[in-house]
C-alpha atoms as a PDB file:
ATOM      1  CA  MET A   1       0.044   0.049   0.031  1.00  0.00           C
ATOM      2  CA  GLN A   2       1.542   3.334  -1.054  1.00  0.00           C
ATOM      3  CA  LEU A   3       0.228   6.646   0.097  1.00  0.00           C
ATOM      4  CA  THR A   4       0.438   9.178  -2.707  1.00  0.00           C
ATOM      5  CA  PHE A   5      -0.341  12.860  -2.430  1.00  0.00           C
ATOM      6  CA  GLY A   6      -1.379  15.135  -5.287  1.00  0.00           C
ATOM      7  CA  TRP A   7      -1.899  18.790  -5.449  1.00  0.00           C
ATOM      8  CA  TYR A   8      -5.584  18.276  -4.693  1.00  0.00           C
ATOM      9  CA  ASN A   9      -4.765  16.489  -1.509  1.00  0.00           C
ATOM     10  CA  ILE A  10      -2.331  19.010  -0.391  1.00  0.00           C
ATOM     11  CA  LEU A  11      -4.731  21.842  -1.097  1.00  0.00           C
ATOM     12  CA  GLU A  12      -7.566  20.084   0.680  1.00  0.00           C
ATOM     13  CA  LEU A  13      -5.237  19.505   3.795  1.00  0.00           C
ATOM     14  CA  LEU A  14      -4.379  23.142   3.645  1.00  0.00           C
ATOM     15  CA  PHE A  15      -8.032  24.240   3.735  1.00  0.00           C
ATOM     16  CA  CYS A  16      -8.604  21.815   6.617  1.00  0.00           C
ATOM     17  CA  LEU A  17      -5.760  23.564   8.588  1.00  0.00           C
ATOM     18  CA  VAL A  18      -7.226  26.944   7.874  1.00  0.00           C
ATOM     19  CA  ALA A  19     -10.646  25.648   9.101  1.00  0.00           C
ATOM     20  CA  LEU A  20      -9.021  24.151  12.231  1.00  0.00           C
ATOM     21  CA  TRP A  21      -7.184  27.519  12.908  1.00  0.00           C
ATOM     22  CA  MET A  22     -10.569  29.361  12.446  1.00  0.00           C
ATOM     23  CA  GLY A  23     -12.288  26.989  14.806  1.00  0.00           C
ATOM     24  CA  ILE A  24      -9.624  27.460  17.560  1.00  0.00           C
ATOM     25  CA  ARG A  25      -9.658  31.088  17.047  1.00  0.00           C
ATOM     26  CA  ASP A  26     -13.486  31.103  17.582  1.00  0.00           C
ATOM     27  CA  LEU A  27     -13.165  28.950  20.714  1.00  0.00           C
ATOM     28  CA  GLN A  28     -10.654  31.419  22.108  1.00  0.00           C
ATOM     29  CA  GLY A  29     -13.010  34.288  21.648  1.00  0.00           C
ATOM     30  CA  LYS A  30     -11.112  36.253  19.175  1.00  0.00           C
ATOM     31  CA  ASP A  31     -12.798  38.804  16.985  1.00  0.00           C
ATOM     32  CA  PRO A  32     -14.556  37.479  13.931  1.00  0.00           C
ATOM     33  CA  LEU A  33     -12.553  37.941  10.687  1.00  0.00           C
ATOM     34  CA  ILE A  34     -15.614  39.684   9.055  1.00  0.00           C
ATOM     35  CA  HIS A  35     -16.782  42.965  10.365  1.00  0.00           C
ATOM     36  CA  THR A  36     -19.915  44.494   8.721  1.00  0.00           C
ATOM     37  CA  PHE A  37     -22.125  47.329  10.023  1.00  0.00           C
ATOM     38  CA  PHE A  38     -25.152  45.020  10.210  1.00  0.00           C
ATOM     39  CA  ASN A  39     -23.374  42.229  12.018  1.00  0.00           C
ATOM     40  CA  GLN A  40     -24.750  41.505  15.401  1.00  0.00           C
ATOM     41  CA  TYR A  41     -21.375  40.183  16.586  1.00  0.00           C
ATOM     42  CA  ASP A  42     -20.342  43.766  17.043  1.00  0.00           C
ATOM     43  CA  ARG A  43     -23.515  44.833  18.980  1.00  0.00           C
ATOM     44  CA  ASP A  44     -24.002  41.934  21.370  1.00  0.00           C
ATOM     45  CA  PRO A  45     -21.144  40.404  23.180  1.00  0.00           C
ATOM     46  CA  GLU A  46     -23.293  37.476  24.681  1.00  0.00           C
ATOM     47  CA  TYR A  47     -24.542  36.706  21.216  1.00  0.00           C
ATOM     48  CA  ARG A  48     -21.058  36.788  19.670  1.00  0.00           C
ATOM     49  CA  ALA A  49     -19.634  34.498  22.474  1.00  0.00           C
ATOM     50  CA  MET A  50     -22.388  31.968  21.989  1.00  0.00           C
ATOM     51  CA  TRP A  51     -22.012  31.710  18.161  1.00  0.00           C
ATOM     52  CA  GLN A  52     -18.196  31.674  18.443  1.00  0.00           C
ATOM     53  CA  LYS A  53     -18.350  28.649  20.541  1.00  0.00           C
ATOM     54  CA  LYS A  54     -20.912  26.886  18.247  1.00  0.00           C
ATOM     55  CA  ASN A  55     -18.960  27.909  15.079  1.00  0.00           C
ATOM     56  CA  GLY A  56     -15.581  26.883  16.670  1.00  0.00           C
ATOM     57  CA  VAL A  57     -16.875  23.346  17.364  1.00  0.00           C
ATOM     58  CA  TRP A  58     -18.431  23.071  14.004  1.00  0.00           C
ATOM     59  CA  GLU A  59     -15.265  24.251  12.226  1.00  0.00           C
ATOM     60  CA  ILE A  60     -12.957  21.978  14.178  1.00  0.00           C
ATOM     61  CA  CYS A  61     -15.347  18.997  13.495  1.00  0.00           C
ATOM     62  CA  ASN A  62     -15.289  19.681   9.776  1.00  0.00           C
ATOM     63  CA  ALA A  63     -11.547  19.982   9.665  1.00  0.00           C
ATOM     64  CA  ILE A  64     -10.844  16.825  11.488  1.00  0.00           C
ATOM     65  CA  ILE A  65     -13.360  14.880   9.359  1.00  0.00           C
ATOM     66  CA  PHE A  66     -12.340  16.144   6.062  1.00  0.00           C
ATOM     67  CA  ALA A  67      -8.605  15.774   6.785  1.00  0.00           C
ATOM     68  CA  SER A  68      -9.134  12.200   7.928  1.00  0.00           C
ATOM     69  CA  LEU A  69     -11.013  11.432   4.638  1.00  0.00           C
ATOM     70  CA  GLN A  70      -7.620  12.072   2.859  1.00  0.00           C
ATOM     71  CA  PHE A  71      -6.326   9.047   4.745  1.00  0.00           C
ATOM     72  CA  LEU A  72      -9.412   6.854   4.444  1.00  0.00           C
ATOM     73  CA  GLY A  73      -9.323   6.514   0.727  1.00  0.00           C
ATOM     74  CA  ASN A  74      -8.387   2.809   0.918  1.00  0.00           C
ATOM     75  CA  PHE A  75     -11.240   2.030   3.316  1.00  0.00           C
ATOM     76  CA  PRO A  76     -14.385   2.788   1.310  1.00  0.00           C
ATOM     77  CA  THR A  77     -16.766   1.881   4.139  1.00  0.00           C
ATOM     78  CA  LEU A  78     -15.197   4.106   6.668  1.00  0.00           C
ATOM     79  CA  SER A  79     -14.799   6.836   4.140  1.00  0.00           C
ATOM     80  CA  SER A  80     -18.482   6.748   3.206  1.00  0.00           C
ATOM     81  CA  TRP A  81     -19.470   6.811   6.868  1.00  0.00           C
ATOM     82  CA  ALA A  82     -17.260   9.730   7.573  1.00  0.00           C
ATOM     83  CA  HIS A  83     -18.853  11.596   4.589  1.00  0.00           C
ATOM     84  CA  THR A  84     -22.278  10.654   5.849  1.00  0.00           C
ATOM     85  CA  ILE A  85     -21.528  11.881   9.359  1.00  0.00           C
ATOM     86  CA  ALA A  86     -20.090  15.201   8.013  1.00  0.00           C
ATOM     87  CA  LEU A  87     -23.117  15.848   5.797  1.00  0.00           C
ATOM     88  CA  VAL A  88     -25.717  15.132   8.578  1.00  0.00           C
ATOM     89  CA  VAL A  89     -23.822  17.295  11.084  1.00  0.00           C
ATOM     90  CA  ASP A  90     -23.455  20.108   8.645  1.00  0.00           C
ATOM     91  CA  ALA A  91     -27.128  19.872   7.757  1.00  0.00           C
ATOM     92  CA  ILE A  92     -28.298  19.906  11.411  1.00  0.00           C
ATOM     93  CA  TYR A  93     -26.062  22.700  12.197  1.00  0.00           C
ATOM     94  CA  LEU A  94     -27.281  24.927   9.296  1.00  0.00           C
ATOM     95  CA  ILE A  95     -30.905  24.044  10.048  1.00  0.00           C
ATOM     96  CA  LEU A  96     -30.582  24.948  13.693  1.00  0.00           C
ATOM     97  CA  TYR A  97     -28.512  28.230  12.851  1.00  0.00           C
ATOM     98  CA  GLU A  98     -31.464  29.316  10.577  1.00  0.00           C
ATOM     99  CA  ILE A  99     -34.062  28.527  13.247  1.00  0.00           C
ATOM    100  CA  TRP A 100     -32.014  30.363  15.830  1.00  0.00           C
ATOM    101  CA  GLU A 101     -31.432  33.388  13.609  1.00  0.00           C
ATOM    102  CA  HIS A 102     -35.134  33.788  12.683  1.00  0.00           C
ATOM    103  CA  SER A 103     -36.600  33.053  16.033  1.00  0.00           C
ATOM    104  CA  ALA A 104     -36.246  36.609  17.160  1.00  0.00           C
ATOM    105  CA  ASP A 105     -38.276  37.870  13.954  1.00  0.00           C
END
């Protein structure tokens, strides 16, 4: 068994490292990278802290899952399970995010 890396694999691992860095940065409570005048992050510190923790966990989870998929290529069952878990977690997170965002409307 030989492990080969191409440009696609290296680029995907780089994106996973960036997502991991962003997740750790969110969990530490650093300022968000995007500041806009309509962003509630700048107005409400409790709101920002809550979403930074949630986004941090979500970004770290995605980074770990998608980085591990690079090494699970020879194990199709594990790879498909990891893809399924990632898609389900992302879908649930996005649905809950939309519900929470529009609950104050």
